[in-house]
Amino acid sequence: MSFTHYDLGHRSSGDIVEVALSGNAAHVRLMDDQNFSNYRNGRQYRFLGGLAKRSLIRLQVSNPGHWHVAVDLSGLQGSTKSSIRVISA
């Protein structure tokens, strides 16, 4: 599986992650460390986000810990570029 990965490091509850997309729609997933490991290894995982058909996507960190963003096309056609910005709570 091909995806763009952003390692956000330790984030606090309430931090906002803004994901900007250019190109086609993409799946944007905000995950804690354990769920990102599961995602990478093809196991069941939980995430915040989903299919983003337009840019700018804003996601809020739900609890303190190590967080990741994955952007992928997963069954979609085309290509997309992404960038992120984190706004501390």
Protein backbone atom coordinates (compact mmCIF):
# COMPACT_ATOMS: atom_id res chain seq x y z
CA MET A 1 0.00 0.00 0.00
CA SER A 2 1.31 3.41 -0.94
CA PHE A 3 0.66 6.38 1.32
CA THR A 4 2.15 9.67 2.47
CA HIS A 5 3.09 9.60 6.13
CA TYR A 6 3.43 12.52 8.53
CA ASP A 7 4.86 11.74 11.96
CA LEU A 8 3.39 14.37 14.29
CA GLY A 9 5.34 13.30 17.35
CA HIS A 10 3.76 13.84 20.75
CA ARG A 11 0.60 15.96 20.51
CA SER A 12 -1.70 17.27 23.21
CA SER A 13 -5.43 16.74 23.41
CA GLY A 14 -7.20 19.45 21.44
CA ASP A 15 -4.36 20.13 18.96
CA ILE A 16 -5.69 20.73 15.45
CA VAL A 17 -4.14 19.09 12.39
CA GLU A 18 -4.85 20.85 9.09
CA VAL A 19 -4.29 18.80 5.94
CA ALA A 20 -4.20 20.60 2.59
CA LEU A 21 -4.72 18.56 -0.58
CA SER A 22 -4.15 19.42 -4.22
CA GLY A 23 -5.23 17.05 -6.97
CA ASN A 24 -7.77 14.30 -6.56
CA ALA A 25 -9.77 13.25 -3.52
CA ALA A 26 -7.84 11.17 -0.99
CA HIS A 27 -8.28 9.30 2.27
CA VAL A 28 -6.91 11.29 5.22
CA ARG A 29 -6.42 9.38 8.46
CA LEU A 30 -5.28 10.74 11.83
CA MET A 31 -4.13 7.86 14.07
CA ASP A 32 -2.33 7.31 17.33
CA ASP A 33 0.87 5.22 17.38
CA GLN A 34 -0.80 1.82 17.92
CA ASN A 35 -3.45 2.35 15.24
CA PHE A 36 -0.87 3.61 12.75
CA SER A 37 1.17 0.45 13.34
CA ASN A 38 -1.96 -1.63 12.69
CA TYR A 39 -2.74 0.40 9.52
CA ARG A 40 0.79 -0.13 8.19
CA ASN A 41 0.63 -3.85 8.88
CA GLY A 42 -2.80 -4.45 7.36
CA ARG A 43 -4.55 -5.07 10.67
CA GLN A 44 -7.77 -3.53 11.95
CA TYR A 45 -7.34 0.09 13.11
CA ARG A 46 -9.27 3.18 14.20
CA PHE A 47 -8.78 6.69 12.87
CA LEU A 48 -10.19 10.18 12.66
CA GLY A 49 -10.92 11.55 9.18
CA GLY A 50 -11.92 9.68 6.05
CA LEU A 51 -12.48 10.47 2.39
CA ALA A 52 -11.58 14.10 1.69
CA LYS A 53 -13.11 15.44 -1.51
CA ARG A 54 -11.87 18.97 -0.95
CA SER A 55 -9.10 20.77 0.86
CA LEU A 56 -8.63 21.96 3.84
CA ILE A 57 -9.36 19.17 6.29
CA ARG A 58 -9.20 19.94 10.01
CA LEU A 59 -8.89 17.10 12.51
CA GLN A 60 -8.61 17.37 16.29
CA VAL A 61 -6.31 15.20 18.39
CA SER A 62 -8.58 13.40 20.86
CA ASN A 63 -6.03 12.48 23.55
CA PRO A 64 -2.36 13.12 24.31
CA GLY A 65 0.19 10.79 22.72
CA HIS A 66 2.20 10.09 19.60
CA TRP A 67 0.15 10.79 16.44
CA HIS A 68 0.44 10.18 12.70
CA VAL A 69 -1.37 11.28 9.53
CA ALA A 70 -1.60 8.99 6.51
CA VAL A 71 -2.86 10.22 3.13
CA ASP A 72 -3.60 7.57 0.50
CA LEU A 73 -5.69 6.96 -2.61
CA SER A 74 -6.75 3.43 -1.53
CA GLY A 75 -8.94 2.46 -4.51
CA LEU A 76 -9.24 5.99 -5.92
CA GLN A 77 -7.96 7.14 -9.31
CA GLY A 78 -5.53 9.97 -9.97
CA SER A 79 -2.94 11.58 -7.76
CA THR A 80 -2.79 14.07 -4.94
CA LYS A 81 -0.23 16.11 -3.06
CA SER A 82 -0.60 16.98 0.59
CA SER A 83 0.85 19.18 3.29
CA ILE A 84 0.04 19.55 6.97
CA ARG A 85 0.12 22.16 9.68
CA VAL A 86 -0.39 21.54 13.41
CA ILE A 87 -2.03 24.18 15.58
CA SER A 88 -1.31 23.66 19.27
CA ALA A 89 -4.24 23.91 21.66
